[in-house]
Amino acid sequence: MAFEHDTTDDSVSNVRKQRRQQEDRRRMAYRRAIEQYQESKALHALVSDFPELAGAAPEHQRLH
């Protein structure tokens, strides 16, 4: 009786591993985007003439 290696388990685990890696890449890209946005906003606040107005509505909308 010869032992035959079942390759279906290997292919399933490879698919799972690839899917997990793709999810990790997407998660890290999302995380980097959030960090870049936060850094950009902080930098803008530092160099802005009026940091308290950063993100405020335009002047004509605030008067109404």
PDB file of N, CA and C in Angstrom:
ATOM      1  N   MET A   1       0.840  -1.171   0.000  1.00  0.00           N
ATOM      2  CA  MET A   1       0.000   0.000   0.000  1.00  0.00           C
ATOM      3  C   MET A   1       0.892   1.243   0.000  1.00  0.00           C
ATOM      4  N   ALA A   2       0.819   2.005  -1.045  1.00  0.00           N
ATOM      5  CA  ALA A   2       1.634   3.201  -1.187  1.00  0.00           C
ATOM      6  C   ALA A   2       0.869   4.414  -0.659  1.00  0.00           C
ATOM      7  N   PHE A   3       1.617   5.317  -0.070  1.00  0.00           N
ATOM      8  CA  PHE A   3       1.015   6.548   0.446  1.00  0.00           C
ATOM      9  C   PHE A   3       0.949   7.568  -0.675  1.00  0.00           C
ATOM     10  N   GLU A   4      -0.235   8.064  -0.940  1.00  0.00           N
ATOM     11  CA  GLU A   4      -0.402   9.108  -1.956  1.00  0.00           C
ATOM     12  C   GLU A   4      -0.681  10.422  -1.238  1.00  0.00           C
ATOM     13  N   HIS A   5       0.144  11.390  -1.531  1.00  0.00           N
ATOM     14  CA  HIS A   5       0.004  12.707  -0.906  1.00  0.00           C
ATOM     15  C   HIS A   5      -1.195  13.421  -1.522  1.00  0.00           C
ATOM     16  N   ASP A   6      -2.086  13.867  -0.683  1.00  0.00           N
ATOM     17  CA  ASP A   6      -3.285  14.561  -1.155  1.00  0.00           C
ATOM     18  C   ASP A   6      -2.948  16.033  -1.389  1.00  0.00           C
ATOM     19  N   THR A   7      -2.990  16.459  -2.638  1.00  0.00           N
ATOM     20  CA  THR A   7      -2.633  17.840  -2.971  1.00  0.00           C
ATOM     21  C   THR A   7      -3.795  18.799  -2.784  1.00  0.00           C
ATOM     22  N   THR A   8      -5.008  18.305  -2.581  1.00  0.00           N
ATOM     23  CA  THR A   8      -6.145  19.210  -2.398  1.00  0.00           C
ATOM     24  C   THR A   8      -6.002  20.011  -1.104  1.00  0.00           C
ATOM     25  N   ASP A   9      -5.477  19.402  -0.050  1.00  0.00           N
ATOM     26  CA  ASP A   9      -5.261  20.134   1.194  1.00  0.00           C
ATOM     27  C   ASP A   9      -4.246  21.251   0.996  1.00  0.00           C
ATOM     28  N   ASP A  10      -3.187  20.962   0.233  1.00  0.00           N
ATOM     29  CA  ASP A  10      -2.166  21.968  -0.035  1.00  0.00           C
ATOM     30  C   ASP A  10      -2.745  23.120  -0.850  1.00  0.00           C
ATOM     31  N   SER A  11      -3.548  22.810  -1.852  1.00  0.00           N
ATOM     32  CA  SER A  11      -4.098  23.874  -2.689  1.00  0.00           C
ATOM     33  C   SER A  11      -5.089  24.724  -1.908  1.00  0.00           C
ATOM     34  N   VAL A  12      -5.862  24.104  -1.027  1.00  0.00           N
ATOM     35  CA  VAL A  12      -6.802  24.863  -0.199  1.00  0.00           C
ATOM     36  C   VAL A  12      -6.044  25.776   0.755  1.00  0.00           C
ATOM     37  N   SER A  13      -4.992  25.254   1.368  1.00  0.00           N
ATOM     38  CA  SER A  13      -4.221  26.086   2.291  1.00  0.00           C
ATOM     39  C   SER A  13      -3.497  27.204   1.542  1.00  0.00           C
ATOM     40  N   ASN A  14      -3.057  26.942   0.317  1.00  0.00           N
ATOM     41  CA  ASN A  14      -2.418  27.992  -0.485  1.00  0.00           C
ATOM     42  C   ASN A  14      -3.416  29.088  -0.831  1.00  0.00           C
ATOM     43  N   VAL A  15      -4.626  28.698  -1.175  1.00  0.00           N
ATOM     44  CA  VAL A  15      -5.658  29.685  -1.488  1.00  0.00           C
ATOM     45  C   VAL A  15      -5.961  30.528  -0.261  1.00  0.00           C
ATOM     46  N   ARG A  16      -6.093  29.870   0.887  1.00  0.00           N
ATOM     47  CA  ARG A  16      -6.348  30.597   2.131  1.00  0.00           C
ATOM     48  C   ARG A  16      -5.203  31.553   2.458  1.00  0.00           C
ATOM     49  N   LYS A  17      -3.995  31.070   2.271  1.00  0.00           N
ATOM     50  CA  LYS A  17      -2.822  31.899   2.559  1.00  0.00           C
ATOM     51  C   LYS A  17      -2.782  33.113   1.631  1.00  0.00           C
ATOM     52  N   GLN A  18      -3.050  32.908   0.352  1.00  0.00           N
ATOM     53  CA  GLN A  18      -3.061  34.017  -0.598  1.00  0.00           C
ATOM     54  C   GLN A  18      -4.159  35.018  -0.258  1.00  0.00           C
ATOM     55  N   ARG A  19      -5.332  34.516   0.079  1.00  0.00           N
ATOM     56  CA  ARG A  19      -6.446  35.402   0.443  1.00  0.00           C
ATOM     57  C   ARG A  19      -6.093  36.212   1.687  1.00  0.00           C
ATOM     58  N   ARG A  20      -5.496  35.571   2.667  1.00  0.00           N
ATOM     59  CA  ARG A  20      -5.090  36.269   3.888  1.00  0.00           C
ATOM     60  C   ARG A  20      -4.054  37.345   3.579  1.00  0.00           C
ATOM     61  N   GLN A  21      -3.112  37.024   2.690  1.00  0.00           N
ATOM     62  CA  GLN A  21      -2.094  38.008   2.313  1.00  0.00           C
ATOM     63  C   GLN A  21      -2.723  39.198   1.597  1.00  0.00           C
ATOM     64  N   GLN A  22      -3.694  38.943   0.719  1.00  0.00           N
ATOM     65  CA  GLN A  22      -4.383  40.032   0.025  1.00  0.00           C
ATOM     66  C   GLN A  22      -5.139  40.912   1.014  1.00  0.00           C
ATOM     67  N   GLU A  23      -5.810  40.283   1.960  1.00  0.00           N
ATOM     68  CA  GLU A  23      -6.532  41.048   2.978  1.00  0.00           C
ATOM     69  C   GLU A  23      -5.570  41.881   3.819  1.00  0.00           C
ATOM     70  N   ASP A  24      -4.429  41.310   4.159  1.00  0.00           N
ATOM     71  CA  ASP A  24      -3.422  42.050   4.924  1.00  0.00           C
ATOM     72  C   ASP A  24      -2.907  43.247   4.140  1.00  0.00           C
ATOM     73  N   ARG A  25      -2.659  43.049   2.843  1.00  0.00           N
ATOM     74  CA  ARG A  25      -2.187  44.158   2.004  1.00  0.00           C
ATOM     75  C   ARG A  25      -3.228  45.275   1.941  1.00  0.00           C
ATOM     76  N   ARG A  26      -4.500  44.904   1.750  1.00  0.00           N
ATOM     77  CA  ARG A  26      -5.569  45.908   1.708  1.00  0.00           C
ATOM     78  C   ARG A  26      -5.693  46.638   3.040  1.00  0.00           C
ATOM     79  N   ARG A  27      -5.619  45.895   4.126  1.00  0.00           N
ATOM     80  CA  ARG A  27      -5.719  46.494   5.455  1.00  0.00           C
ATOM     81  C   ARG A  27      -4.572  47.473   5.694  1.00  0.00           C
ATOM     82  N   MET A  28      -3.367  47.082   5.312  1.00  0.00           N
ATOM     83  CA  MET A  28      -2.210  47.962   5.504  1.00  0.00           C
ATOM     84  C   MET A  28      -2.292  49.202   4.609  1.00  0.00           C
ATOM     85  N   ALA A  29      -2.780  49.041   3.383  1.00  0.00           N
ATOM     86  CA  ALA A  29      -2.936  50.193   2.495  1.00  0.00           C
ATOM     87  C   ALA A  29      -3.954  51.170   3.083  1.00  0.00           C
ATOM     88  N   TYR A  30      -5.039  50.654   3.624  1.00  0.00           N
ATOM     89  CA  TYR A  30      -6.052  51.489   4.250  1.00  0.00           C
ATOM     90  C   TYR A  30      -5.474  52.213   5.459  1.00  0.00           C
ATOM     91  N   ARG A  31      -4.718  51.492   6.242  1.00  0.00           N
ATOM     92  CA  ARG A  31      -4.101  52.077   7.434  1.00  0.00           C
ATOM     93  C   ARG A  31      -3.106  53.177   7.058  1.00  0.00           C
ATOM     94  N   ARG A  32      -2.303  52.925   6.014  1.00  0.00           N
ATOM     95  CA  ARG A  32      -1.350  53.944   5.553  1.00  0.00           C
ATOM     96  C   ARG A  32      -2.073  55.184   5.044  1.00  0.00           C
ATOM     97  N   ALA A  33      -3.191  54.984   4.348  1.00  0.00           N
ATOM     98  CA  ALA A  33      -3.962  56.121   3.836  1.00  0.00           C
ATOM     99  C   ALA A  33      -4.482  56.972   4.991  1.00  0.00           C
ATOM    100  N   ILE A  34      -4.958  56.332   6.032  1.00  0.00           N
ATOM    101  CA  ILE A  34      -5.449  57.074   7.203  1.00  0.00           C
ATOM    102  C   ILE A  34      -4.305  57.842   7.855  1.00  0.00           C
ATOM    103  N   GLU A  35      -3.155  57.197   8.007  1.00  0.00           N
ATOM    104  CA  GLU A  35      -2.005  57.862   8.625  1.00  0.00           C
ATOM    105  C   GLU A  35      -1.540  59.041   7.781  1.00  0.00           C
ATOM    106  N   GLN A  36      -1.503  58.868   6.467  1.00  0.00           N
ATOM    107  CA  GLN A  36      -1.085  59.958   5.585  1.00  0.00           C
ATOM    108  C   GLN A  36      -2.062  61.125   5.665  1.00  0.00           C
ATOM    109  N   TYR A  37      -3.350  60.815   5.737  1.00  0.00           N
ATOM    110  CA  TYR A  37      -4.356  61.869   5.856  1.00  0.00           C
ATOM    111  C   TYR A  37      -4.169  62.634   7.158  1.00  0.00           C
ATOM    112  N   GLN A  38      -3.957  61.918   8.252  1.00  0.00           N
ATOM    113  CA  GLN A  38      -3.772  62.569   9.541  1.00  0.00           C
ATOM    114  C   GLN A  38      -2.509  63.433   9.547  1.00  0.00           C
ATOM    115  N   GLU A  39      -1.430  62.910   8.958  1.00  0.00           N
ATOM    116  CA  GLU A  39      -0.184  63.679   8.890  1.00  0.00           C
ATOM    117  C   GLU A  39      -0.362  64.920   8.026  1.00  0.00           C
ATOM    118  N   SER A  40      -1.058  64.777   6.908  1.00  0.00           N
ATOM    119  CA  SER A  40      -1.298  65.899   6.021  1.00  0.00           C
ATOM    120  C   SER A  40      -2.120  66.975   6.711  1.00  0.00           C
ATOM    121  N   LYS A  41      -3.143  66.553   7.432  1.00  0.00           N
ATOM    122  CA  LYS A  41      -3.996  67.502   8.144  1.00  0.00           C
ATOM    123  C   LYS A  41      -3.206  68.225   9.236  1.00  0.00           C
ATOM    124  N   ALA A  42      -2.365  67.494   9.960  1.00  0.00           N
ATOM    125  CA  ALA A  42      -1.552  68.103  11.010  1.00  0.00           C
ATOM    126  C   ALA A  42      -0.549  69.089  10.409  1.00  0.00           C
ATOM    127  N   LEU A  43       0.075  68.718   9.312  1.00  0.00           N
ATOM    128  CA  LEU A  43       1.031  69.609   8.658  1.00  0.00           C
ATOM    129  C   LEU A  43       0.328  70.862   8.150  1.00  0.00           C
ATOM    130  N   HIS A  44      -0.829  70.688   7.571  1.00  0.00           N
ATOM    131  CA  HIS A  44      -1.592  71.831   7.077  1.00  0.00           C
ATOM    132  C   HIS A  44      -1.938  72.780   8.229  1.00  0.00           C
ATOM    133  N   ALA A  45      -2.308  72.220   9.362  1.00  0.00           N
ATOM    134  CA  ALA A  45      -2.634  73.048  10.519  1.00  0.00           C
ATOM    135  C   ALA A  45      -1.406  73.813  11.011  1.00  0.00           C
ATOM    136  N   LEU A  46      -0.227  73.223  10.907  1.00  0.00           N
ATOM    137  CA  LEU A  46       0.994  73.889  11.354  1.00  0.00           C
ATOM    138  C   LEU A  46       1.391  75.047  10.452  1.00  0.00           C
ATOM    139  N   VAL A  47       1.203  74.883   9.158  1.00  0.00           N
ATOM    140  CA  VAL A  47       1.678  75.898   8.224  1.00  0.00           C
ATOM    141  C   VAL A  47       0.595  76.883   7.805  1.00  0.00           C
ATOM    142  N   SER A  48      -0.607  76.635   8.227  1.00  0.00           N
ATOM    143  CA  SER A  48      -1.720  77.500   7.855  1.00  0.00           C
ATOM    144  C   SER A  48      -1.656  78.814   8.637  1.00  0.00           C
ATOM    145  N   ASP A  49      -2.061  79.878   7.978  1.00  0.00           N
ATOM    146  CA  ASP A  49      -2.118  81.173   8.649  1.00  0.00           C
ATOM    147  C   ASP A  49      -3.200  81.186   9.728  1.00  0.00           C
ATOM    148  N   PHE A  50      -4.286  80.480   9.461  1.00  0.00           N
ATOM    149  CA  PHE A  50      -5.405  80.437  10.398  1.00  0.00           C
ATOM    150  C   PHE A  50      -5.790  78.985  10.646  1.00  0.00           C
ATOM    151  N   PRO A  51      -5.059  78.262  11.491  1.00  0.00           N
ATOM    152  CA  PRO A  51      -5.341  76.842  11.701  1.00  0.00           C
ATOM    153  C   PRO A  51      -6.739  76.579  12.248  1.00  0.00           C
ATOM    154  N   GLU A  52      -7.322  77.564  12.939  1.00  0.00           N
ATOM    155  CA  GLU A  52      -8.656  77.354  13.477  1.00  0.00           C
ATOM    156  C   GLU A  52      -9.719  77.327  12.379  1.00  0.00           C
ATOM    157  N   LEU A  53      -9.388  77.847  11.197  1.00  0.00           N
ATOM    158  CA  LEU A  53     -10.338  77.841  10.086  1.00  0.00           C
ATOM    159  C   LEU A  53     -10.163  76.626   9.178  1.00  0.00           C
ATOM    160  N   ALA A  54      -9.162  75.830   9.414  1.00  0.00           N
ATOM    161  CA  ALA A  54      -8.937  74.646   8.578  1.00  0.00           C
ATOM    162  C   ALA A  54     -10.142  73.721   8.678  1.00  0.00           C
ATOM    163  N   GLY A  55     -10.727  73.428   7.552  1.00  0.00           N
ATOM    164  CA  GLY A  55     -11.881  72.538   7.528  1.00  0.00           C
ATOM    165  C   GLY A  55     -13.191  73.252   7.782  1.00  0.00           C
ATOM    166  N   ALA A  56     -13.160  74.547   7.983  1.00  0.00           N
ATOM    167  CA  ALA A  56     -14.401  75.294   8.210  1.00  0.00           C
ATOM    168  C   ALA A  56     -15.123  75.507   6.891  1.00  0.00           C
ATOM    169  N   ALA A  57     -16.400  75.799   6.991  1.00  0.00           N
ATOM    170  CA  ALA A  57     -17.211  76.059   5.796  1.00  0.00           C
ATOM    171  C   ALA A  57     -16.762  77.368   5.164  1.00  0.00           C
ATOM    172  N   PRO A  58     -16.970  77.525   3.869  1.00  0.00           N
ATOM    173  CA  PRO A  58     -16.628  78.789   3.206  1.00  0.00           C
ATOM    174  C   PRO A  58     -17.367  79.958   3.859  1.00  0.00           C
ATOM    175  N   GLU A  59     -16.804  81.153   3.728  1.00  0.00           N
ATOM    176  CA  GLU A  59     -17.309  82.340   4.408  1.00  0.00           C
ATOM    177  C   GLU A  59     -18.783  82.602   4.130  1.00  0.00           C
ATOM    178  N   HIS A  60     -19.226  82.477   2.886  1.00  0.00           N
ATOM    179  CA  HIS A  60     -20.611  82.785   2.551  1.00  0.00           C
ATOM    180  C   HIS A  60     -21.591  81.780   3.157  1.00  0.00           C
ATOM    181  N   GLN A  61     -21.157  80.577   3.451  1.00  0.00           N
ATOM    182  CA  GLN A  61     -22.036  79.594   4.045  1.00  0.00           C
ATOM    183  C   GLN A  61     -22.114  79.757   5.569  1.00  0.00           C
ATOM    184  N   ARG A  62     -21.077  80.289   6.174  1.00  0.00           N
ATOM    185  CA  ARG A  62     -21.071  80.416   7.628  1.00  0.00           C
ATOM    186  C   ARG A  62     -21.934  81.585   8.085  1.00  0.00           C
ATOM    187  N   LEU A  63     -22.171  82.569   7.236  1.00  0.00           N
ATOM    188  CA  LEU A  63     -22.949  83.729   7.633  1.00  0.00           C
ATOM    189  C   LEU A  63     -24.442  83.433   7.674  1.00  0.00           C
ATOM    190  N   HIS A  64     -24.901  82.408   7.017  1.00  0.00           N
ATOM    191  CA  HIS A  64     -26.353  82.145   6.948  1.00  0.00           C
ATOM    192  C   HIS A  64     -26.837  81.408   8.128  1.00  0.00           C
TER     193      HIS A  64
END
